[in-house]
């Protein structure tokens, strides 16, 4: 999955075309990002990211998603 969230975004959602898994990300301060993974109707906390740049944010999102896929 490709993540393209900008560090200045307060919210983003992504859907993996292969699995149908949804990833939801939100932030109130654009430094700490809460990540939830599941379906549109039901998701669970998957982690918290602290990022200083867009590149770092997207790399950490991919890492959380890959870990989630590995657990399933």
Protein backbone atom coordinates (compact mmCIF):
# COMPACT_ATOMS: atom_id res chain seq x y z
CA UNK A 1 0.00 0.00 0.00
CA UNK A 2 1.20 3.49 -0.75
CA UNK A 3 0.75 6.15 1.93
CA UNK A 4 0.76 9.79 0.85
CA UNK A 5 -0.32 11.67 3.95
CA UNK A 6 1.20 15.12 4.43
CA UNK A 7 2.50 16.04 7.87
CA UNK A 8 0.11 19.05 7.87
CA UNK A 9 -2.99 16.85 7.40
CA UNK A 10 -5.13 16.29 10.48
CA UNK A 11 -6.87 13.22 9.07
CA UNK A 12 -6.41 10.68 6.29
CA UNK A 13 -7.77 7.28 5.38
CA UNK A 14 -6.44 4.61 3.06
CA UNK A 15 -7.89 1.34 1.74
CA UNK A 16 -5.65 -1.53 0.67
CA UNK A 17 -7.00 -2.72 -2.71
CA UNK A 18 -5.65 -6.25 -2.23
CA UNK A 19 -7.12 -6.97 1.22
CA UNK A 20 -9.84 -4.34 1.70
CA UNK A 21 -8.20 -3.32 4.98
CA UNK A 22 -8.71 0.34 5.93
CA UNK A 23 -6.16 2.54 7.71
CA UNK A 24 -7.35 5.68 9.50
CA UNK A 25 -4.95 8.33 10.77
CA UNK A 26 -5.70 11.45 12.79
CA UNK A 27 -3.78 14.11 14.65
CA UNK A 28 -4.56 17.21 16.64
CA UNK A 29 -1.06 18.68 16.64
CA UNK A 30 0.50 17.29 13.42
CA UNK A 31 3.32 15.66 15.38
CA UNK A 32 1.56 12.78 17.09
CA UNK A 33 -0.65 10.61 14.86
CA UNK A 34 -3.11 7.96 16.05
CA UNK A 35 -3.52 5.00 13.68
CA UNK A 36 -6.51 2.64 13.50
CA UNK A 37 -6.78 -0.37 11.19
CA UNK A 38 -9.75 -2.54 10.23
CA UNK A 39 -12.83 -1.98 8.15
CA UNK A 40 -14.89 1.12 7.48
CA UNK A 41 -17.44 -0.10 10.05
CA UNK A 42 -15.05 -1.49 12.67
CA UNK A 43 -11.42 -0.65 13.39
CA UNK A 44 -8.99 -1.05 16.27
CA UNK A 45 -6.04 1.01 17.51
CA UNK A 46 -2.85 -0.01 15.72
CA UNK A 47 -0.37 2.44 17.15
CA UNK A 48 0.81 5.96 17.63
CA UNK A 49 3.34 7.71 15.42
CA UNK A 50 5.49 10.68 16.29
CA UNK A 51 6.84 12.23 13.11
CA UNK A 52 8.72 15.40 12.21
CA UNK A 53 8.38 15.13 8.42
CA UNK A 54 6.02 13.83 5.75
CA UNK A 55 8.57 11.24 4.68
CA UNK A 56 8.96 9.94 8.22
CA UNK A 57 5.17 9.84 8.73
CA UNK A 58 4.54 7.79 5.59
CA UNK A 59 7.41 5.40 6.33
CA UNK A 60 6.05 4.74 9.82
CA UNK A 61 2.51 4.28 8.47
CA UNK A 62 3.83 1.63 6.09
CA UNK A 63 5.69 -0.06 8.95
CA UNK A 64 2.53 -0.22 11.12
CA UNK A 65 0.50 -1.55 8.20
CA UNK A 66 3.10 -4.21 7.33
CA UNK A 67 3.22 -5.31 10.99
CA UNK A 68 -0.58 -5.54 11.03
CA UNK A 69 -0.58 -7.69 7.88
CA UNK A 70 2.08 -9.92 9.39
CA UNK A 71 -0.05 -10.54 12.47
CA UNK A 72 -3.10 -11.60 10.44
